[in-house]
Amino acid sequence: MSNKQKLTRRQVREKAVQTLYQLLDPQADTTLESALAFSLEAGNDPEAGFEHIQDEYLQELVAGVQTQLETIDQQITTLLTEGWTLQRLAKIDLAILRLGFYEVLYVDNEKVPPQVAVDEAIELSKTFSDGKSTKFIAGVLSKFIADKV
């Protein structure tokens, strides 16, 4: 594979979710760098040959979510129905929500309009989760952007 190969925005988001997912296990001694390297080398498409790719937006997403984690988690928590906590959510759904919230809150709307961030999170849930999760993620993010307007 050539080092000139680029990730599409969808692939960047997939790799970001895979990286964030790996960082969710407090028992694991996973660093941001090792999680990112693993998602590029293996992830859900190891044959794609992304291991040497450096993508600025991927770096921005993963580092940004980690930096803004407390604020993002507070925002998600306010939208969970009674009896639900972040700890109760499926880890992959939490990773997808964190990414979606980060894009809505911190990425320039000219670069990624909020509705695009929501649509992309929904697509990620179709890739990594099930139908119930997709509806849940769509509902939480849609309510969030509706409340922001």
C-alpha atoms as a PDB file:
ATOM      1  CA  MET A   1       0.000   0.000   0.000  1.00  0.00           C
ATOM      2  CA  SER A   2       1.179   3.455  -0.766  1.00  0.00           C
ATOM      3  CA  ASN A   3       1.593   5.967   2.043  1.00  0.00           C
ATOM      4  CA  LYS A   4      -0.404   8.342  -0.135  1.00  0.00           C
ATOM      5  CA  GLN A   5      -3.546   6.317   0.506  1.00  0.00           C
ATOM      6  CA  LYS A   6      -6.126   8.412   2.299  1.00  0.00           C
ATOM      7  CA  LEU A   7      -8.991   7.485   4.548  1.00  0.00           C
ATOM      8  CA  THR A   8     -12.462   8.666   3.649  1.00  0.00           C
ATOM      9  CA  ARG A   9     -14.303  10.641   6.316  1.00  0.00           C
ATOM     10  CA  ARG A  10     -16.418   7.552   7.037  1.00  0.00           C
ATOM     11  CA  GLN A  11     -13.279   5.443   7.477  1.00  0.00           C
ATOM     12  CA  VAL A  12     -11.787   8.116   9.738  1.00  0.00           C
ATOM     13  CA  ARG A  13     -14.872   7.960  11.944  1.00  0.00           C
ATOM     14  CA  GLU A  14     -14.782   4.144  11.982  1.00  0.00           C
ATOM     15  CA  LYS A  15     -11.150   4.197  13.088  1.00  0.00           C
ATOM     16  CA  ALA A  16     -11.927   6.863  15.701  1.00  0.00           C
ATOM     17  CA  VAL A  17     -14.753   4.744  17.156  1.00  0.00           C
ATOM     18  CA  GLN A  18     -12.530   1.658  17.218  1.00  0.00           C
ATOM     19  CA  THR A  19      -9.809   3.623  18.993  1.00  0.00           C
ATOM     20  CA  LEU A  20     -12.206   5.169  21.517  1.00  0.00           C
ATOM     21  CA  TYR A  21     -13.741   1.741  22.166  1.00  0.00           C
ATOM     22  CA  GLN A  22     -10.350   0.283  23.079  1.00  0.00           C
ATOM     23  CA  LEU A  23      -9.736   3.140  25.496  1.00  0.00           C
ATOM     24  CA  LEU A  24     -12.963   2.371  27.396  1.00  0.00           C
ATOM     25  CA  ASP A  25     -11.503  -0.575  29.324  1.00  0.00           C
ATOM     26  CA  PRO A  26      -9.961   0.825  32.518  1.00  0.00           C
ATOM     27  CA  GLN A  27      -8.382  -2.578  33.248  1.00  0.00           C
ATOM     28  CA  ALA A  28      -6.389  -2.539  30.019  1.00  0.00           C
ATOM     29  CA  ASP A  29      -3.126  -0.661  29.879  1.00  0.00           C
ATOM     30  CA  THR A  30      -3.965   0.801  26.474  1.00  0.00           C
ATOM     31  CA  THR A  31      -2.441   4.087  25.410  1.00  0.00           C
ATOM     32  CA  LEU A  32      -3.994   6.421  22.895  1.00  0.00           C
ATOM     33  CA  GLU A  33      -1.135   5.663  20.507  1.00  0.00           C
ATOM     34  CA  SER A  34      -1.440   1.886  20.792  1.00  0.00           C
ATOM     35  CA  ALA A  35      -5.231   1.986  20.436  1.00  0.00           C
ATOM     36  CA  LEU A  36      -4.938   4.166  17.345  1.00  0.00           C
ATOM     37  CA  ALA A  37      -2.238   1.957  15.850  1.00  0.00           C
ATOM     38  CA  PHE A  38      -4.336  -1.167  16.443  1.00  0.00           C
ATOM     39  CA  SER A  39      -7.450   0.349  14.841  1.00  0.00           C
ATOM     40  CA  LEU A  40      -5.418   1.272  11.757  1.00  0.00           C
ATOM     41  CA  GLU A  41      -3.597  -2.071  11.543  1.00  0.00           C
ATOM     42  CA  ALA A  42      -6.495  -4.378  12.343  1.00  0.00           C
ATOM     43  CA  GLY A  43      -9.801  -2.783  13.237  1.00  0.00           C
ATOM     44  CA  ASN A  44     -12.691  -4.151  11.199  1.00  0.00           C
ATOM     45  CA  ASP A  45     -10.744  -4.159   7.908  1.00  0.00           C
ATOM     46  CA  PRO A  46      -7.189  -5.445   8.466  1.00  0.00           C
ATOM     47  CA  GLU A  47      -6.721  -6.200   4.781  1.00  0.00           C
ATOM     48  CA  ALA A  48      -7.159  -2.530   3.866  1.00  0.00           C
ATOM     49  CA  GLY A  49      -3.564  -1.670   4.767  1.00  0.00           C
ATOM     50  CA  PHE A  50      -4.072   1.545   6.715  1.00  0.00           C
ATOM     51  CA  GLU A  51      -1.284   0.942   9.230  1.00  0.00           C
ATOM     52  CA  HIS A  52       1.029   3.693   7.958  1.00  0.00           C
ATOM     53  CA  ILE A  53      -1.580   6.351   7.387  1.00  0.00           C
ATOM     54  CA  GLN A  54      -1.415   9.597   9.289  1.00  0.00           C
ATOM     55  CA  ASP A  55      -4.752  11.410   9.193  1.00  0.00           C
ATOM     56  CA  GLU A  56      -5.079  14.798  10.892  1.00  0.00           C
ATOM     57  CA  TYR A  57      -8.851  14.563  11.309  1.00  0.00           C
ATOM     58  CA  LEU A  58      -8.560  11.122  12.903  1.00  0.00           C
ATOM     59  CA  GLN A  59      -5.988  12.497  15.339  1.00  0.00           C
ATOM     60  CA  GLU A  60      -8.229  15.501  16.040  1.00  0.00           C
ATOM     61  CA  LEU A  61     -11.295  13.350  16.726  1.00  0.00           C
ATOM     62  CA  VAL A  62      -9.615  10.888  19.070  1.00  0.00           C
ATOM     63  CA  ALA A  63      -7.572  13.476  20.971  1.00  0.00           C
ATOM     64  CA  GLY A  64     -10.534  15.866  21.077  1.00  0.00           C
ATOM     65  CA  VAL A  65     -12.913  13.304  22.536  1.00  0.00           C
ATOM     66  CA  GLN A  66     -10.324  12.366  25.157  1.00  0.00           C
ATOM     67  CA  THR A  67      -9.688  16.015  26.036  1.00  0.00           C
ATOM     68  CA  GLN A  68     -13.388  16.933  26.243  1.00  0.00           C
ATOM     69  CA  LEU A  69     -14.533  13.627  27.764  1.00  0.00           C
ATOM     70  CA  GLU A  70     -16.026  15.085  30.945  1.00  0.00           C
ATOM     71  CA  THR A  71     -18.095  17.700  29.109  1.00  0.00           C
ATOM     72  CA  ILE A  72     -19.226  15.223  26.456  1.00  0.00           C
ATOM     73  CA  ASP A  73     -20.245  12.649  29.068  1.00  0.00           C
ATOM     74  CA  GLN A  74     -22.204  15.298  31.003  1.00  0.00           C
ATOM     75  CA  GLN A  75     -24.089  16.222  27.837  1.00  0.00           C
ATOM     76  CA  ILE A  76     -24.875  12.576  27.051  1.00  0.00           C
ATOM     77  CA  THR A  77     -25.997  11.916  30.626  1.00  0.00           C
ATOM     78  CA  THR A  78     -28.552  14.749  30.530  1.00  0.00           C
ATOM     79  CA  LEU A  79     -30.281  13.025  27.606  1.00  0.00           C
ATOM     80  CA  LEU A  80     -30.439   9.503  29.017  1.00  0.00           C
ATOM     81  CA  THR A  81     -33.809   8.342  30.259  1.00  0.00           C
ATOM     82  CA  GLU A  82     -34.343   7.619  33.935  1.00  0.00           C
ATOM     83  CA  GLY A  83     -32.490   4.578  35.144  1.00  0.00           C
ATOM     84  CA  TRP A  84     -29.817   4.760  32.448  1.00  0.00           C
ATOM     85  CA  THR A  85     -26.196   5.691  33.076  1.00  0.00           C
ATOM     86  CA  LEU A  86     -23.106   5.816  30.895  1.00  0.00           C
ATOM     87  CA  GLN A  87     -21.925   2.608  32.571  1.00  0.00           C
ATOM     88  CA  ARG A  88     -25.102   0.822  31.495  1.00  0.00           C
ATOM     89  CA  LEU A  89     -24.664   1.666  27.798  1.00  0.00           C
ATOM     90  CA  ALA A  90     -22.971  -0.785  25.465  1.00  0.00           C
ATOM     91  CA  LYS A  91     -19.341   0.320  25.168  1.00  0.00           C
ATOM     92  CA  ILE A  92     -19.487   0.579  21.397  1.00  0.00           C
ATOM     93  CA  ASP A  93     -22.612   2.752  21.620  1.00  0.00           C
ATOM     94  CA  LEU A  94     -20.875   5.017  24.135  1.00  0.00           C
ATOM     95  CA  ALA A  95     -17.870   5.360  21.808  1.00  0.00           C
ATOM     96  CA  ILE A  96     -20.184   6.279  18.900  1.00  0.00           C
ATOM     97  CA  LEU A  97     -22.117   8.787  21.012  1.00  0.00           C
ATOM     98  CA  ARG A  98     -18.934  10.407  22.283  1.00  0.00           C
ATOM     99  CA  LEU A  99     -17.685  10.841  18.733  1.00  0.00           C
ATOM    100  CA  GLY A 100     -21.028  12.255  17.551  1.00  0.00           C
ATOM    101  CA  PHE A 101     -21.244  14.682  20.453  1.00  0.00           C
ATOM    102  CA  TYR A 102     -17.649  15.785  19.882  1.00  0.00           C
ATOM    103  CA  GLU A 103     -18.333  16.565  16.236  1.00  0.00           C
ATOM    104  CA  VAL A 104     -21.506  18.512  17.073  1.00  0.00           C
ATOM    105  CA  LEU A 105     -19.926  20.432  19.955  1.00  0.00           C
ATOM    106  CA  TYR A 106     -16.371  21.063  18.835  1.00  0.00           C
ATOM    107  CA  VAL A 107     -15.959  20.679  15.074  1.00  0.00           C
ATOM    108  CA  ASP A 108     -16.655  23.785  12.995  1.00  0.00           C
ATOM    109  CA  ASN A 109     -20.186  23.587  11.568  1.00  0.00           C
ATOM    110  CA  GLU A 110     -18.797  24.601   8.186  1.00  0.00           C
ATOM    111  CA  LYS A 111     -16.549  21.551   8.238  1.00  0.00           C
ATOM    112  CA  VAL A 112     -19.146  19.116   9.658  1.00  0.00           C
ATOM    113  CA  PRO A 113     -22.734  20.361   9.983  1.00  0.00           C
ATOM    114  CA  PRO A 114     -24.474  18.940  13.093  1.00  0.00           C
ATOM    115  CA  GLN A 115     -26.927  16.891  11.012  1.00  0.00           C
ATOM    116  CA  VAL A 116     -24.018  15.291   9.145  1.00  0.00           C
ATOM    117  CA  ALA A 117     -22.425  14.336  12.488  1.00  0.00           C
ATOM    118  CA  VAL A 118     -25.729  12.736  13.550  1.00  0.00           C
ATOM    119  CA  ASP A 119     -26.152  10.906  10.244  1.00  0.00           C
ATOM    120  CA  GLU A 120     -22.591   9.603  10.422  1.00  0.00           C
ATOM    121  CA  ALA A 121     -23.087   8.376  14.007  1.00  0.00           C
ATOM    122  CA  ILE A 122     -26.215   6.540  12.866  1.00  0.00           C
ATOM    123  CA  GLU A 123     -24.251   4.902  10.043  1.00  0.00           C
ATOM    124  CA  LEU A 124     -21.504   3.914  12.495  1.00  0.00           C
ATOM    125  CA  SER A 125     -24.106   2.273  14.710  1.00  0.00           C
ATOM    126  CA  LYS A 126     -25.337   0.274  11.716  1.00  0.00           C
ATOM    127  CA  THR A 127     -21.766  -0.951  11.188  1.00  0.00           C
ATOM    128  CA  PHE A 128     -20.863  -1.708  14.801  1.00  0.00           C
ATOM    129  CA  SER A 129     -24.156  -2.226  16.659  1.00  0.00           C
ATOM    130  CA  ASP A 130     -27.726  -3.425  16.157  1.00  0.00           C
ATOM    131  CA  GLY A 131     -31.077  -1.891  15.239  1.00  0.00           C
ATOM    132  CA  LYS A 132     -32.002  -0.999  18.814  1.00  0.00           C
ATOM    133  CA  SER A 133     -28.711   0.807  19.276  1.00  0.00           C
ATOM    134  CA  THR A 134     -29.144   2.635  16.000  1.00  0.00           C
ATOM    135  CA  LYS A 135     -32.539   3.952  17.109  1.00  0.00           C
ATOM    136  CA  PHE A 136     -31.166   4.886  20.519  1.00  0.00           C
ATOM    137  CA  ILE A 137     -28.162   6.757  19.099  1.00  0.00           C
ATOM    138  CA  ALA A 138     -30.348   8.513  16.524  1.00  0.00           C
ATOM    139  CA  GLY A 139     -32.780   9.580  19.249  1.00  0.00           C
ATOM    140  CA  VAL A 140     -30.156  10.893  21.665  1.00  0.00           C
ATOM    141  CA  LEU A 141     -28.198  12.829  19.041  1.00  0.00           C
ATOM    142  CA  SER A 142     -31.300  14.174  17.294  1.00  0.00           C
ATOM    143  CA  LYS A 143     -32.661  15.453  20.605  1.00  0.00           C
ATOM    144  CA  PHE A 144     -29.290  17.005  21.380  1.00  0.00           C
ATOM    145  CA  ILE A 145     -29.088  18.996  18.150  1.00  0.00           C
ATOM    146  CA  ALA A 146     -32.786  19.952  18.387  1.00  0.00           C
ATOM    147  CA  ASP A 147     -32.173  21.327  21.889  1.00  0.00           C
ATOM    148  CA  LYS A 148     -29.121  23.254  20.659  1.00  0.00           C
ATOM    149  CA  VAL A 149     -31.084  25.171  18.032  1.00  0.00           C
END
